Protein backbone atom coordinates (compact mmCIF):
# COMPACT_ATOMS: atom_id res chain seq x y z
CA MET A 1 74.01 132.84 287.61
CA PHE A 2 72.35 132.45 284.18
CA SER A 3 70.46 135.62 284.29
CA SER A 4 72.83 137.75 286.04
CA ALA A 5 76.09 136.83 283.51
CA ILE A 6 73.51 137.59 280.53
CA ARG A 7 72.77 141.20 281.98
CA SER A 8 76.34 141.90 282.64
CA SER A 9 77.09 140.66 279.17
CA LEU A 10 74.42 143.13 277.79
CA ARG A 11 75.68 145.98 280.14
CA SER A 12 79.13 145.61 278.65
CA SER A 13 78.12 145.01 275.01
CA SER A 14 75.85 148.15 275.73
CA ARG A 15 78.62 150.50 276.96
CA LEU A 16 80.69 149.89 273.86
CA ALA A 17 78.11 150.19 271.29
CA THR A 18 76.15 153.41 272.82
CA ARG A 19 78.89 155.30 273.62
CA SER A 20 77.41 158.10 271.28
CA ALA A 21 73.80 157.21 272.01
CA ALA A 22 71.41 158.72 274.59
CA PRO A 23 71.83 157.73 278.11
CA ASN A 24 67.96 157.29 278.88
CA ARG A 25 67.43 154.88 275.53
CA VAL A 26 70.20 152.67 277.09
CA SER A 27 68.88 152.32 280.26
CA ALA A 28 65.36 151.82 279.13
CA PHE A 29 66.88 148.80 277.33
CA ARG A 30 68.71 147.65 280.44
CA SER A 31 65.50 147.60 282.33
CA SER A 32 63.08 145.96 279.83
CA GLY A 33 64.85 144.97 276.84
CA PHE A 34 65.85 141.29 278.12
CA ARG A 35 65.10 140.28 281.70
CA LYS A 36 61.71 141.20 281.15
CA TYR A 37 61.20 138.32 278.16
CA SER A 38 64.19 135.99 279.26
CA THR A 39 63.36 132.27 279.99
CA ASP A 40 65.71 130.84 282.33
CA ALA A 41 66.89 127.23 283.03
CA PRO A 42 66.02 125.84 286.32
CA LYS A 43 69.53 124.49 286.82
CA ASN A 44 72.91 126.75 286.96
CA SER A 45 75.62 125.69 284.42
CA SER A 46 78.67 127.65 282.55
CA ASN A 47 79.56 127.32 279.09
CA THR A 48 82.33 129.50 276.73
CA LEU A 49 80.37 128.75 273.69
CA LEU A 50 77.34 130.16 275.84
CA TRP A 51 78.97 133.34 276.52
CA THR A 52 80.45 134.13 273.33
CA GLY A 53 77.07 133.28 271.69
CA LEU A 54 75.24 135.37 273.90
CA GLY A 55 77.87 138.31 274.02
CA ALA A 56 77.47 138.33 270.12
CA ALA A 57 73.70 138.45 270.21
CA ALA A 58 73.91 141.29 272.89
CA ALA A 59 75.91 143.41 270.83
CA GLY A 60 74.41 143.05 267.66
CA GLY A 61 70.89 143.42 269.53
CA VAL A 62 72.07 146.44 271.33
CA ALA A 63 73.33 147.97 268.07
CA TRP A 64 70.27 147.82 266.39
CA TYR A 65 68.37 149.00 269.31
CA ILE A 66 70.08 152.21 269.65
CA TYR A 67 69.66 153.38 266.17
CA SER A 68 65.92 152.14 265.29
CA SER A 69 62.36 153.21 266.05
CA GLU A 70 60.04 151.70 268.70
CA ASP A 71 58.96 148.96 266.60
CA ALA A 72 62.63 147.97 265.11
CA VAL A 73 63.45 148.29 269.21
CA LYS A 74 61.14 145.23 269.54
CA GLY A 75 62.42 143.43 266.49
CA ALA A 76 65.64 143.86 267.68
CA GLU A 77 64.81 142.08 271.22
CA THR A 78 62.86 139.41 269.50
CA ALA A 79 66.03 138.85 267.32
CA LEU A 80 68.32 139.13 270.11
CA LYS A 81 65.96 136.50 272.22
CA SER A 82 66.48 134.23 269.23
CA GLY A 83 69.87 134.23 269.27
CA VAL A 84 70.43 133.65 273.06
CA GLN A 85 67.85 130.68 272.55
CA SER A 86 70.08 129.63 269.64
CA ALA A 87 73.40 129.83 271.76
CA LYS A 88 71.65 128.20 274.78
CA ALA A 89 70.63 125.36 272.63
CA ALA A 90 74.16 125.17 270.87
CA ALA A 91 75.59 125.24 274.45
CA ASN A 92 73.06 122.50 275.88
CA PHE A 93 72.07 125.09 278.60
CA VAL A 94 68.56 124.22 278.48
CA PRO A 95 66.14 122.31 280.88
CA ALA A 96 66.53 118.83 280.36
CA LYS A 97 63.88 116.45 279.10
CA GLU A 98 62.84 115.57 282.38
CA ASP A 99 61.86 118.83 283.01
CA TYR A 100 59.49 118.97 280.11
CA GLN A 101 57.93 115.92 280.86
CA LYS A 102 56.98 117.25 284.20
CA VAL A 103 55.16 119.99 282.47
CA TYR A 104 53.44 117.63 280.13
CA TYR A 105 52.50 115.54 283.42
CA ARG A 106 51.19 118.68 284.86
CA ILE A 107 48.83 119.70 281.91
CA ALA A 108 47.72 116.26 281.28
CA GLU A 109 46.46 116.15 285.09
CA LEU A 110 44.42 119.53 284.16
CA LEU A 111 42.82 118.17 281.32
CA ASP A 112 39.87 116.21 283.36
CA ASP A 113 39.31 119.51 285.66
CA ALA A 114 36.75 120.36 282.63
CA SER A 115 34.25 117.90 284.24
CA ASP A 116 34.20 119.37 287.60
CA ALA A 117 33.82 122.90 285.61
CA GLY A 118 30.94 121.58 283.49
CA TYR A 119 33.02 122.48 280.40
CA ASP A 120 31.82 120.63 277.07
CA ASP A 121 32.25 117.08 277.33
CA GLY A 122 34.09 116.82 280.59
CA SER A 123 37.70 117.37 278.77
CA TYR A 124 40.19 120.31 278.11
CA GLY A 125 41.76 118.24 275.91
CA PRO A 126 39.91 119.64 272.56
CA VAL A 127 40.19 122.78 273.42
CA LEU A 128 44.18 122.77 274.31
CA PHE A 129 44.81 120.87 270.94
CA ARG A 130 42.99 123.58 269.27
CA LEU A 131 45.18 126.12 270.80
CA ALA A 132 48.18 124.40 269.68
CA TRP A 133 47.12 123.81 266.27
CA HIS A 134 45.70 127.56 265.56
CA ALA A 135 49.04 128.96 267.45
CA SER A 136 50.97 126.94 264.80
CA GLY A 137 48.74 127.02 261.69
CA THR A 138 49.48 130.85 260.81
CA TYR A 139 52.89 130.51 259.52
CA ASP A 140 53.71 131.68 255.82
CA LYS A 141 56.41 129.91 253.95
CA GLU A 142 56.92 132.82 251.56
CA THR A 143 57.31 135.70 254.26
CA GLY A 144 58.50 133.18 257.11
CA THR A 145 56.13 134.84 259.34
CA GLY A 146 53.81 133.18 261.86
CA GLY A 147 53.62 129.74 263.28
CA SER A 148 54.51 128.99 266.83
CA ASN A 149 57.66 130.51 267.39
CA TYR A 150 56.15 133.68 269.28
CA ALA A 151 53.03 132.76 270.67
CA THR A 152 51.66 135.67 269.11
CA MET A 153 48.09 134.95 270.21
CA ARG A 154 48.53 136.54 273.37
CA PHE A 155 47.95 139.90 271.94
CA GLU A 156 45.25 141.52 270.07
CA PRO A 157 44.00 141.73 267.57
CA GLU A 158 45.17 138.09 266.92
CA SER A 159 43.69 136.73 269.90
CA LEU A 160 40.41 138.34 268.78
CA HIS A 161 40.33 136.82 265.33
CA GLY A 162 37.04 134.81 264.61
CA ALA A 163 38.99 131.40 263.87
CA ASN A 164 40.58 132.00 267.59
CA ASN A 165 37.08 132.35 269.66
CA GLY A 166 36.90 130.40 272.50
CA LEU A 167 40.91 129.61 272.93
CA GLU A 168 41.26 131.88 275.91
CA VAL A 169 39.73 129.11 277.79
CA GLY A 170 42.89 126.92 276.87
CA ARG A 171 45.04 129.84 277.13
CA THR A 172 43.95 130.66 280.70
CA LEU A 173 44.15 126.93 281.84
CA LEU A 174 47.58 126.78 280.76
CA GLU A 175 48.39 130.12 282.95
CA LYS A 176 48.06 127.86 285.99
CA VAL A 177 50.98 125.68 284.20
CA LYS A 178 53.15 128.84 283.50
CA ALA A 179 52.73 130.23 287.14
CA GLU A 180 54.48 126.47 288.15
CA PHE A 181 56.88 126.30 285.31
CA PRO A 182 57.93 130.16 284.78
CA TRP A 183 61.08 129.03 282.50
CA ILE A 184 58.84 127.44 279.88
CA SER A 185 58.07 130.13 276.81
CA TYR A 186 54.70 130.23 275.94
CA GLY A 187 55.19 128.77 272.33
CA ASP A 188 56.77 125.57 274.04
CA LEU A 189 53.83 125.31 276.64
CA TRP A 190 51.05 125.84 274.11
CA THR A 191 52.32 122.99 271.65
CA LEU A 192 53.17 120.71 274.33
CA ALA A 193 49.71 120.91 275.60
CA GLY A 194 48.67 119.98 272.01
CA VAL A 195 50.72 117.09 272.64
CA ALA A 196 49.30 116.07 275.85
CA ALA A 197 45.91 116.58 274.64
CA VAL A 198 46.12 114.31 271.60
CA GLN A 199 48.35 111.86 273.74
CA GLU A 200 45.48 111.39 276.91
CA MET A 201 42.72 111.19 274.55
CA ALA A 202 43.99 107.94 273.16
CA GLY A 203 45.71 109.40 270.17
CA PRO A 204 49.00 108.68 268.70
CA LYS A 205 52.51 109.38 270.44
CA ILE A 206 53.52 113.05 268.84
CA PRO A 207 57.35 113.79 268.01
CA TRP A 208 57.80 117.12 269.95
CA ARG A 209 60.81 119.39 270.72
CA PRO A 210 61.13 122.86 272.92
CA GLY A 211 62.97 125.70 271.80
CA ARG A 212 60.14 128.48 271.04
CA ILE A 213 60.64 131.82 272.49
CA ASP A 214 57.99 134.53 273.08
CA GLY A 215 57.72 137.43 271.18
CA PHE A 216 55.90 140.84 270.72
CA ALA A 217 52.44 142.10 269.51
CA LYS A 218 54.10 143.52 266.29
CA ASP A 219 55.12 139.80 265.39
CA ALA A 220 51.31 138.90 265.30
CA THR A 221 49.87 137.77 262.22
CA PRO A 222 47.22 139.27 260.11
CA ASP A 223 43.73 137.63 260.06
CA GLY A 224 42.75 135.38 257.42
CA ARG A 225 45.65 132.73 257.59
CA LEU A 226 43.42 129.80 259.21
CA PRO A 227 41.20 127.97 257.26
CA ASP A 228 37.50 129.36 256.72
CA ALA A 229 35.12 126.24 257.43
CA ALA A 230 32.75 127.72 255.24
CA GLN A 231 34.61 127.37 252.34
CA GLY A 232 35.64 124.46 249.62
CA ALA A 233 38.65 122.79 248.50
CA PRO A 234 40.62 125.53 246.64
CA HIS A 235 40.62 127.56 249.70
CA VAL A 236 41.39 124.58 252.03
CA ARG A 237 44.39 124.00 249.44
CA ASP A 238 45.38 127.79 249.51
CA ILE A 239 45.73 127.67 253.52
CA PHE A 240 47.80 124.81 253.89
CA HIS A 241 50.05 124.91 250.73
CA ARG A 242 50.87 128.31 252.19
CA MET A 243 52.31 126.54 254.75
CA GLY A 244 54.06 123.98 252.76
CA PHE A 245 51.41 120.85 253.24
CA ASN A 246 50.74 118.39 250.57
CA ASP A 247 47.21 117.00 249.95
CA GLN A 248 47.79 114.15 251.82
CA GLU A 249 49.08 116.30 254.87
CA ILE A 250 45.92 118.43 254.27
CA VAL A 251 43.77 115.41 254.82
CA ALA A 252 45.76 114.22 257.82
CA LEU A 253 45.63 117.49 259.63
CA ILE A 254 41.45 118.02 259.50
CA GLY A 255 41.89 114.68 261.34
CA ALA A 256 41.99 117.11 264.05
CA HIS A 257 38.05 117.09 264.00
CA ALA A 258 38.34 113.77 265.49
CA VAL A 259 37.80 115.36 268.68
CA GLY A 260 35.60 118.05 270.16
CA ARG A 261 32.85 120.17 268.85
CA CYS A 262 31.81 123.08 267.09
CA HIS A 263 30.17 126.43 269.34
CA SER A 264 27.46 128.73 268.07
CA ASP A 265 28.66 131.61 270.13
CA ARG A 266 32.11 130.95 268.74
CA SER A 267 32.28 129.95 265.11
CA GLY A 268 28.65 130.10 264.38
CA PHE A 269 28.61 126.37 263.96
CA GLU A 270 27.17 123.78 266.41
CA GLY A 271 27.75 120.25 267.57
CA PRO A 272 30.19 117.25 267.88
CA TRP A 273 32.20 115.59 264.46
CA THR A 274 31.76 112.06 266.21
CA PHE A 275 29.70 109.92 269.26
CA SER A 276 33.34 109.81 270.97
CA PRO A 277 34.37 113.98 271.20
CA THR A 278 37.08 113.20 273.77
CA THR A 279 38.68 110.20 272.23
CA PHE A 280 41.17 110.51 269.47
CA THR A 281 40.10 107.87 266.67
CA ASN A 282 39.33 107.60 262.91
CA ASP A 283 36.13 107.89 263.30
CA PHE A 284 36.00 111.33 261.87
CA TYR A 285 36.82 109.43 258.71
CA LYS A 286 34.55 106.67 259.16
CA LEU A 287 31.54 108.56 259.56
CA LEU A 288 32.07 110.81 256.32
CA PHE A 289 31.90 107.65 254.40
CA ASP A 290 29.37 105.77 256.29
CA GLU A 291 26.91 108.15 257.17
CA LYS A 292 24.42 109.93 254.90
CA TRP A 293 24.97 113.58 255.24
CA VAL A 294 22.26 116.39 254.63
CA TRP A 295 22.33 120.20 254.91
CA LYS A 296 21.02 121.31 258.27
CA LYS A 297 17.82 123.57 258.52
CA TRP A 298 18.57 126.21 260.98
CA ASN A 299 19.27 129.89 261.03
CA GLY A 300 22.90 129.54 261.20
CA PRO A 301 25.73 129.13 258.74
CA LYS A 302 25.80 126.12 256.32
CA GLN A 303 26.81 122.76 258.02
CA LEU A 304 25.77 119.04 257.34
CA GLU A 305 24.56 116.63 259.69
CA ASP A 306 23.79 113.17 259.82
CA LYS A 307 20.38 111.91 258.49
CA LYS A 308 20.36 109.08 261.03
CA THR A 309 20.38 110.93 264.35
CA GLY A 310 20.60 114.82 263.65
CA THR A 311 23.21 115.08 266.06
CA LEU A 312 26.41 114.80 264.44
CA MET A 313 28.04 117.85 262.38
CA MET A 314 30.17 118.33 259.23
CA LEU A 315 31.73 121.70 258.08
CA PRO A 316 31.90 122.15 254.38
CA THR A 317 35.61 122.00 254.44
CA ASP A 318 35.24 118.65 256.29
CA TYR A 319 33.17 117.44 253.26
CA THR A 320 35.74 118.48 250.68
CA LEU A 321 37.54 115.26 252.28
CA VAL A 322 34.71 113.15 250.11
CA SER A 323 33.86 115.49 247.36
CA ASP A 324 37.27 116.03 246.07
CA LYS A 325 38.74 112.95 244.11
CA VAL A 326 42.40 113.62 245.60
CA PHE A 327 41.40 114.16 249.08
CA LYS A 328 38.76 111.35 249.23
CA LYS A 329 41.52 108.79 248.29
CA TYR A 330 43.61 109.60 251.64
CA ALA A 331 40.46 110.09 253.79
CA PHE A 332 39.14 106.61 252.43
CA GLU A 333 42.74 104.91 253.36
CA TYR A 334 42.44 106.64 256.90
CA ALA A 335 38.61 105.22 257.14
CA LYS A 336 40.09 101.92 256.65
CA ASP A 337 43.20 101.86 258.74
CA GLN A 338 43.33 103.78 261.95
CA ASP A 339 47.11 102.93 262.18
CA VAL A 340 47.53 104.68 258.89
CA PHE A 341 45.87 107.48 259.88
CA PHE A 342 47.53 108.05 263.35
CA GLY A 343 51.11 107.43 261.44
CA ASP A 344 50.35 110.09 259.23
CA PHE A 345 48.56 112.62 261.55
CA SER A 346 51.47 112.26 263.91
CA ALA A 347 54.16 113.29 261.53
CA ALA A 348 51.80 116.07 260.16
CA PHE A 349 51.00 117.62 263.70
CA SER A 350 54.78 117.40 264.80
CA LYS A 351 55.80 119.24 261.48
CA LEU A 352 52.89 121.95 261.91
CA MET A 353 54.35 122.61 265.34
CA GLU A 354 57.64 123.16 264.30
CA LEU A 355 56.76 125.85 261.86
CA GLY A 356 58.32 129.36 261.82
CA VAL A 357 60.77 128.03 264.28
CA PRO A 358 64.79 128.50 263.45
CA THR A 359 66.23 125.14 263.58
CA SER A 360 68.99 126.49 265.48
CA GLN A 361 66.77 127.50 268.35
CA PHE A 362 65.66 123.90 268.96
CA VAL A 363 67.45 122.26 271.91
CA THR A 364 67.83 118.76 270.38
CA PRO A 365 68.50 117.52 266.74
CA GLU A 366 65.74 115.06 267.24
CA PRO A 367 62.20 115.71 268.60
CA TRP A 368 61.14 113.50 271.82
CA ILE A 369 58.71 111.18 272.53
CA MET A 370 56.89 112.42 275.77
CA LYS A 371 55.26 109.66 278.32
CA ASN A 372 51.79 109.68 278.90
CA LEU A 373 50.26 110.27 282.36
CA ASP A 374 49.61 106.39 282.70
CA GLU A 375 53.42 105.66 282.09
CA LYS A 376 54.43 108.09 285.10
CA ALA A 377 56.70 105.87 287.17
């Protein structure tokens, strides 16, 4: 009902806006402009506010479409989808929290499949966590571009950026979930996967809410917006301040290195940060202060290793947390108190995943707390 009504609204608005336009361009919009990229709710409903909002969005989107170049056409379609999502959110015509909880459970069930596949340390949690982080961390507050809203890592060249090497593992894994729940947008799917990864690896609860839409290749961000691990404190601040984070939030977000490992065939760096790379703790900070770190002697890029075992690693950007006076005070606090770290990380990561998403698109004014798999009734 929802899709057919939208198509009817689009066709009606199209006829009004395009009487003097070429028929073939109108036809092209009808066939591919909305239906191909729409995300329908799994339940039927109706709402006057919804149809009014969708009709206005459709009229504006079609008018722009008719008198624009091909790139602008895609921009119009993106704007239309954003308007549709905002109207759906305003009308409460969206999947319920229970629907998203089912998606969460399905993602959580896939995490340990890495063990059977012989992947990394037996969990897909770290790579899904990294996918959510990198899909969101491209935001630029000055231009309002980037962030999780359009899931542009689906497209080249963003998918091929060096910082995103290896994330095709996470994107491919989540296609199984997308096939089962086709109504969820990629932006919502990827960020929800990040929430599931953190929580299922014994980390804190992460507030999250849906409402992201899927964009086009023209929405993809340029290379260089994600942190370069070989750099120092000035670079770290430049990257995170561009997104709108302060120094305390920077230190908390770098705590993402509580889990996972580097791969020489992806980033060039090699090794895990902690002895428990699939469990989310404050060990990353504790090890920074408790171990003696020395430069690794090898043919790869500059990285540090723990002198005691030589099995752990730290990146140059990680070491700024103890070499920079301001960063150090926050890192030391997190090393002393895991609860403080969990609270600050939860708030910062939730904020990160909402960057670039218009508030009107969110389906709820306050984020949700999703149940862990072991809380499933």
